[in-house]
Amino acid sequence: MSQYAAAKAVDEDDGTRWATDSGTPSAWIEVDLRQPTLIGRVRIDEAFAGRVRSFTLDYRDGDEWKPILAGSELGEHFTQGFPPVTARVVRLNILEATEGPTLNEFALYPPKK
Protein backbone atom coordinates (compact mmCIF):
# COMPACT_ATOMS: atom_id res chain seq x y z
CA MET A 1 0.00 0.00 0.00
CA SER A 2 1.30 3.39 -0.98
CA GLN A 3 2.07 6.00 1.65
CA TYR A 4 -0.70 8.20 0.18
CA ALA A 5 -3.21 5.53 -0.95
CA ALA A 6 -6.95 6.26 -1.00
CA ALA A 7 -7.45 4.00 2.04
CA LYS A 8 -5.51 6.57 4.11
CA ALA A 9 -8.45 9.01 3.77
CA VAL A 10 -10.86 6.61 5.46
CA ASP A 11 -8.64 5.08 8.16
CA GLU A 12 -9.82 7.41 10.98
CA ASP A 13 -6.21 8.55 11.50
CA ASP A 14 -5.62 12.29 11.07
CA GLY A 15 -1.90 11.58 10.83
CA THR A 16 -2.24 9.83 7.45
CA ARG A 17 -3.54 11.14 4.15
CA TRP A 18 -4.62 10.40 0.61
CA ALA A 19 -2.78 12.46 -1.97
CA THR A 20 -2.70 12.91 -5.71
CA ASP A 21 0.37 13.76 -7.74
CA SER A 22 1.70 17.30 -7.58
CA GLY A 23 0.07 19.55 -10.16
CA THR A 24 -3.14 17.49 -10.39
CA PRO A 25 -6.00 19.98 -10.96
CA SER A 26 -8.89 17.54 -10.37
CA ALA A 27 -9.45 14.10 -8.84
CA TRP A 28 -12.02 11.93 -7.11
CA ILE A 29 -12.13 9.52 -4.23
CA GLU A 30 -14.85 6.95 -3.74
CA VAL A 31 -16.14 5.15 -0.63
CA ASP A 32 -17.97 1.82 -0.81
CA LEU A 33 -20.06 1.45 2.35
CA ARG A 34 -20.56 -2.27 1.50
CA GLN A 35 -24.34 -2.07 1.86
CA PRO A 36 -27.02 0.61 1.37
CA THR A 37 -26.62 3.01 4.29
CA LEU A 38 -28.56 6.10 5.35
CA ILE A 39 -26.21 9.10 5.34
CA GLY A 40 -26.87 12.76 6.05
CA ARG A 41 -23.53 14.33 7.00
CA VAL A 42 -19.99 14.45 5.67
CA ARG A 43 -16.66 15.45 7.23
CA ILE A 44 -13.69 16.17 5.00
CA ASP A 45 -10.33 17.29 6.35
CA GLU A 46 -8.15 18.81 3.65
CA ALA A 47 -4.48 18.21 4.51
CA PHE A 48 -3.41 21.55 3.02
CA ALA A 49 -6.38 23.86 3.36
CA GLY A 50 -7.25 26.01 0.39
CA ARG A 51 -6.22 23.75 -2.47
CA VAL A 52 -9.75 22.60 -3.34
CA ARG A 53 -11.72 25.31 -5.16
CA SER A 54 -14.75 23.35 -6.42
CA PHE A 55 -16.23 19.95 -5.55
CA THR A 56 -19.35 17.80 -5.57
CA LEU A 57 -20.39 14.93 -3.34
CA ASP A 58 -22.33 12.34 -5.33
CA TYR A 59 -23.83 8.90 -4.76
CA ARG A 60 -24.36 6.08 -7.20
CA ASP A 61 -27.96 5.14 -7.91
CA GLY A 62 -27.90 2.15 -10.25
CA ASP A 63 -25.70 3.17 -13.17
CA GLU A 64 -25.88 6.93 -12.63
CA TRP A 65 -24.34 9.39 -10.21
CA LYS A 66 -26.67 11.75 -8.35
CA PRO A 67 -25.56 14.92 -6.54
CA ILE A 68 -25.76 15.25 -2.79
CA LEU A 69 -24.08 18.64 -2.42
CA ALA A 70 -21.63 21.00 -4.11
CA GLY A 71 -19.22 23.59 -2.80
CA SER A 72 -16.37 25.89 -3.57
CA GLU A 73 -13.97 25.18 -0.69
CA LEU A 74 -13.25 22.38 1.75
CA GLY A 75 -10.64 23.67 4.17
CA GLU A 76 -9.16 22.02 7.21
CA HIS A 77 -12.37 20.80 8.89
CA PHE A 78 -15.28 20.80 6.43
CA THR A 79 -18.48 19.41 7.95
CA GLN A 80 -21.83 19.62 6.21
CA GLY A 81 -25.27 18.13 6.70
CA PHE A 82 -27.48 17.35 3.72
CA PRO A 83 -30.91 15.84 3.04
CA PRO A 84 -30.56 12.14 3.91
CA VAL A 85 -29.96 9.61 1.15
CA THR A 86 -29.52 5.86 1.20
CA ALA A 87 -26.35 4.99 -0.67
CA ARG A 88 -23.75 2.29 -0.94
CA VAL A 89 -21.12 4.12 -3.01
CA VAL A 90 -20.29 7.80 -2.49
CA ARG A 91 -17.78 9.87 -4.45
CA LEU A 92 -16.07 13.13 -3.59
CA ASN A 93 -15.41 14.69 -6.98
CA ILE A 94 -12.83 17.47 -6.77
CA LEU A 95 -13.50 19.53 -9.87
CA GLU A 96 -10.85 22.22 -9.39
CA ALA A 97 -7.76 22.45 -7.21
CA THR A 98 -4.85 24.86 -7.16
CA GLU A 99 -2.45 21.97 -6.45
CA GLY A 100 -2.75 18.21 -6.06
CA PRO A 101 -5.67 17.47 -3.73
CA THR A 102 -4.80 15.70 -0.49
CA LEU A 103 -7.14 14.71 2.35
CA ASN A 104 -6.49 13.54 5.89
CA GLU A 105 -10.02 12.18 6.31
CA PHE A 106 -13.23 11.64 4.35
CA ALA A 107 -16.06 10.37 6.56
CA LEU A 108 -19.80 9.86 6.10
CA TYR A 109 -22.33 9.78 8.93
CA PRO A 110 -26.04 9.20 9.52
CA PRO A 111 -28.23 12.31 9.68
CA LYS A 112 -28.34 14.11 13.01
CA LYS A 113 -31.36 13.18 15.07
C-alpha atoms as a PDB file:
ATOM      1  CA  MET A   1       0.000   0.000   0.000  1.00  0.00           C
ATOM      2  CA  SER A   2       1.296   3.392  -0.983  1.00  0.00           C
ATOM      3  CA  GLN A   3       2.067   5.996   1.651  1.00  0.00           C
ATOM      4  CA  TYR A   4      -0.700   8.204   0.176  1.00  0.00           C
ATOM      5  CA  ALA A   5      -3.205   5.533  -0.945  1.00  0.00           C
ATOM      6  CA  ALA A   6      -6.950   6.263  -1.001  1.00  0.00           C
ATOM      7  CA  ALA A   7      -7.450   4.004   2.036  1.00  0.00           C
ATOM      8  CA  LYS A   8      -5.514   6.572   4.105  1.00  0.00           C
ATOM      9  CA  ALA A   9      -8.446   9.009   3.765  1.00  0.00           C
ATOM     10  CA  VAL A  10     -10.859   6.610   5.460  1.00  0.00           C
ATOM     11  CA  ASP A  11      -8.641   5.075   8.160  1.00  0.00           C
ATOM     12  CA  GLU A  12      -9.817   7.412  10.981  1.00  0.00           C
ATOM     13  CA  ASP A  13      -6.215   8.551  11.495  1.00  0.00           C
ATOM     14  CA  ASP A  14      -5.622  12.293  11.070  1.00  0.00           C
ATOM     15  CA  GLY A  15      -1.897  11.580  10.825  1.00  0.00           C
ATOM     16  CA  THR A  16      -2.241   9.825   7.451  1.00  0.00           C
ATOM     17  CA  ARG A  17      -3.539  11.144   4.147  1.00  0.00           C
ATOM     18  CA  TRP A  18      -4.620  10.396   0.610  1.00  0.00           C
ATOM     19  CA  ALA A  19      -2.781  12.463  -1.968  1.00  0.00           C
ATOM     20  CA  THR A  20      -2.699  12.913  -5.707  1.00  0.00           C
ATOM     21  CA  ASP A  21       0.368  13.764  -7.742  1.00  0.00           C
ATOM     22  CA  SER A  22       1.704  17.298  -7.578  1.00  0.00           C
ATOM     23  CA  GLY A  23       0.069  19.549 -10.156  1.00  0.00           C
ATOM     24  CA  THR A  24      -3.141  17.491 -10.394  1.00  0.00           C
ATOM     25  CA  PRO A  25      -6.001  19.979 -10.965  1.00  0.00           C
ATOM     26  CA  SER A  26      -8.893  17.541 -10.366  1.00  0.00           C
ATOM     27  CA  ALA A  27      -9.450  14.105  -8.842  1.00  0.00           C
ATOM     28  CA  TRP A  28     -12.022  11.932  -7.115  1.00  0.00           C
ATOM     29  CA  ILE A  29     -12.129   9.523  -4.229  1.00  0.00           C
ATOM     30  CA  GLU A  30     -14.852   6.948  -3.744  1.00  0.00           C
ATOM     31  CA  VAL A  31     -16.136   5.147  -0.629  1.00  0.00           C
ATOM     32  CA  ASP A  32     -17.974   1.820  -0.808  1.00  0.00           C
ATOM     33  CA  LEU A  33     -20.063   1.447   2.351  1.00  0.00           C
ATOM     34  CA  ARG A  34     -20.555  -2.271   1.501  1.00  0.00           C
ATOM     35  CA  GLN A  35     -24.337  -2.066   1.864  1.00  0.00           C
ATOM     36  CA  PRO A  36     -27.019   0.611   1.370  1.00  0.00           C
ATOM     37  CA  THR A  37     -26.620   3.009   4.289  1.00  0.00           C
ATOM     38  CA  LEU A  38     -28.563   6.102   5.349  1.00  0.00           C
ATOM     39  CA  ILE A  39     -26.212   9.101   5.342  1.00  0.00           C
ATOM     40  CA  GLY A  40     -26.866  12.761   6.050  1.00  0.00           C
ATOM     41  CA  ARG A  41     -23.525  14.326   6.996  1.00  0.00           C
ATOM     42  CA  VAL A  42     -19.985  14.449   5.675  1.00  0.00           C
ATOM     43  CA  ARG A  43     -16.656  15.452   7.227  1.00  0.00           C
ATOM     44  CA  ILE A  44     -13.688  16.175   4.997  1.00  0.00           C
ATOM     45  CA  ASP A  45     -10.329  17.290   6.349  1.00  0.00           C
ATOM     46  CA  GLU A  46      -8.149  18.805   3.650  1.00  0.00           C
ATOM     47  CA  ALA A  47      -4.481  18.208   4.511  1.00  0.00           C
ATOM     48  CA  PHE A  48      -3.408  21.546   3.016  1.00  0.00           C
ATOM     49  CA  ALA A  49      -6.385  23.861   3.364  1.00  0.00           C
ATOM     50  CA  GLY A  50      -7.252  26.014   0.391  1.00  0.00           C
ATOM     51  CA  ARG A  51      -6.224  23.750  -2.467  1.00  0.00           C
ATOM     52  CA  VAL A  52      -9.753  22.598  -3.343  1.00  0.00           C
ATOM     53  CA  ARG A  53     -11.725  25.315  -5.160  1.00  0.00           C
ATOM     54  CA  SER A  54     -14.746  23.350  -6.416  1.00  0.00           C
ATOM     55  CA  PHE A  55     -16.231  19.950  -5.549  1.00  0.00           C
ATOM     56  CA  THR A  56     -19.349  17.796  -5.574  1.00  0.00           C
ATOM     57  CA  LEU A  57     -20.386  14.934  -3.340  1.00  0.00           C
ATOM     58  CA  ASP A  58     -22.330  12.339  -5.329  1.00  0.00           C
ATOM     59  CA  TYR A  59     -23.833   8.902  -4.758  1.00  0.00           C
ATOM     60  CA  ARG A  60     -24.363   6.078  -7.200  1.00  0.00           C
ATOM     61  CA  ASP A  61     -27.960   5.139  -7.912  1.00  0.00           C
ATOM     62  CA  GLY A  62     -27.900   2.150 -10.251  1.00  0.00           C
ATOM     63  CA  ASP A  63     -25.700   3.172 -13.168  1.00  0.00           C
ATOM     64  CA  GLU A  64     -25.881   6.932 -12.629  1.00  0.00           C
ATOM     65  CA  TRP A  65     -24.337   9.391 -10.208  1.00  0.00           C
ATOM     66  CA  LYS A  66     -26.668  11.749  -8.352  1.00  0.00           C
ATOM     67  CA  PRO A  67     -25.559  14.919  -6.543  1.00  0.00           C
ATOM     68  CA  ILE A  68     -25.760  15.252  -2.794  1.00  0.00           C
ATOM     69  CA  LEU A  69     -24.079  18.640  -2.421  1.00  0.00           C
ATOM     70  CA  ALA A  70     -21.635  20.996  -4.113  1.00  0.00           C
ATOM     71  CA  GLY A  71     -19.223  23.587  -2.799  1.00  0.00           C
ATOM     72  CA  SER A  72     -16.368  25.894  -3.566  1.00  0.00           C
ATOM     73  CA  GLU A  73     -13.972  25.184  -0.687  1.00  0.00           C
ATOM     74  CA  LEU A  74     -13.246  22.383   1.754  1.00  0.00           C
ATOM     75  CA  GLY A  75     -10.636  23.666   4.169  1.00  0.00           C
ATOM     76  CA  GLU A  76      -9.156  22.022   7.210  1.00  0.00           C
ATOM     77  CA  HIS A  77     -12.368  20.804   8.894  1.00  0.00           C
ATOM     78  CA  PHE A  78     -15.283  20.799   6.434  1.00  0.00           C
ATOM     79  CA  THR A  79     -18.477  19.408   7.951  1.00  0.00           C
ATOM     80  CA  GLN A  80     -21.829  19.621   6.213  1.00  0.00           C
ATOM     81  CA  GLY A  81     -25.265  18.125   6.702  1.00  0.00           C
ATOM     82  CA  PHE A  82     -27.479  17.348   3.717  1.00  0.00           C
ATOM     83  CA  PRO A  83     -30.910  15.838   3.036  1.00  0.00           C
ATOM     84  CA  PRO A  84     -30.556  12.141   3.912  1.00  0.00           C
ATOM     85  CA  VAL A  85     -29.964   9.608   1.146  1.00  0.00           C
ATOM     86  CA  THR A  86     -29.519   5.865   1.197  1.00  0.00           C
ATOM     87  CA  ALA A  87     -26.348   4.986  -0.671  1.00  0.00           C
ATOM     88  CA  ARG A  88     -23.755   2.291  -0.936  1.00  0.00           C
ATOM     89  CA  VAL A  89     -21.115   4.119  -3.012  1.00  0.00           C
ATOM     90  CA  VAL A  90     -20.295   7.804  -2.495  1.00  0.00           C
ATOM     91  CA  ARG A  91     -17.782   9.873  -4.449  1.00  0.00           C
ATOM     92  CA  LEU A  92     -16.069  13.134  -3.588  1.00  0.00           C
ATOM     93  CA  ASN A  93     -15.406  14.688  -6.983  1.00  0.00           C
ATOM     94  CA  ILE A  94     -12.827  17.471  -6.770  1.00  0.00           C
ATOM     95  CA  LEU A  95     -13.497  19.529  -9.869  1.00  0.00           C
ATOM     96  CA  GLU A  96     -10.853  22.216  -9.395  1.00  0.00           C
ATOM     97  CA  ALA A  97      -7.762  22.453  -7.209  1.00  0.00           C
ATOM     98  CA  THR A  98      -4.848  24.858  -7.165  1.00  0.00           C
ATOM     99  CA  GLU A  99      -2.451  21.967  -6.455  1.00  0.00           C
ATOM    100  CA  GLY A 100      -2.746  18.213  -6.062  1.00  0.00           C
ATOM    101  CA  PRO A 101      -5.668  17.468  -3.725  1.00  0.00           C
ATOM    102  CA  THR A 102      -4.798  15.703  -0.492  1.00  0.00           C
ATOM    103  CA  LEU A 103      -7.136  14.712   2.349  1.00  0.00           C
ATOM    104  CA  ASN A 104      -6.488  13.538   5.889  1.00  0.00           C
ATOM    105  CA  GLU A 105     -10.020  12.178   6.313  1.00  0.00           C
ATOM    106  CA  PHE A 106     -13.228  11.638   4.350  1.00  0.00           C
ATOM    107  CA  ALA A 107     -16.062  10.368   6.560  1.00  0.00           C
ATOM    108  CA  LEU A 108     -19.803   9.862   6.099  1.00  0.00           C
ATOM    109  CA  TYR A 109     -22.333   9.782   8.934  1.00  0.00           C
ATOM    110  CA  PRO A 110     -26.042   9.197   9.515  1.00  0.00           C
ATOM    111  CA  PRO A 111     -28.225  12.306   9.676  1.00  0.00           C
ATOM    112  CA  LYS A 112     -28.338  14.115  13.011  1.00  0.00           C
ATOM    113  CA  LYS A 113     -31.364  13.185  15.068  1.00  0.00           C
END
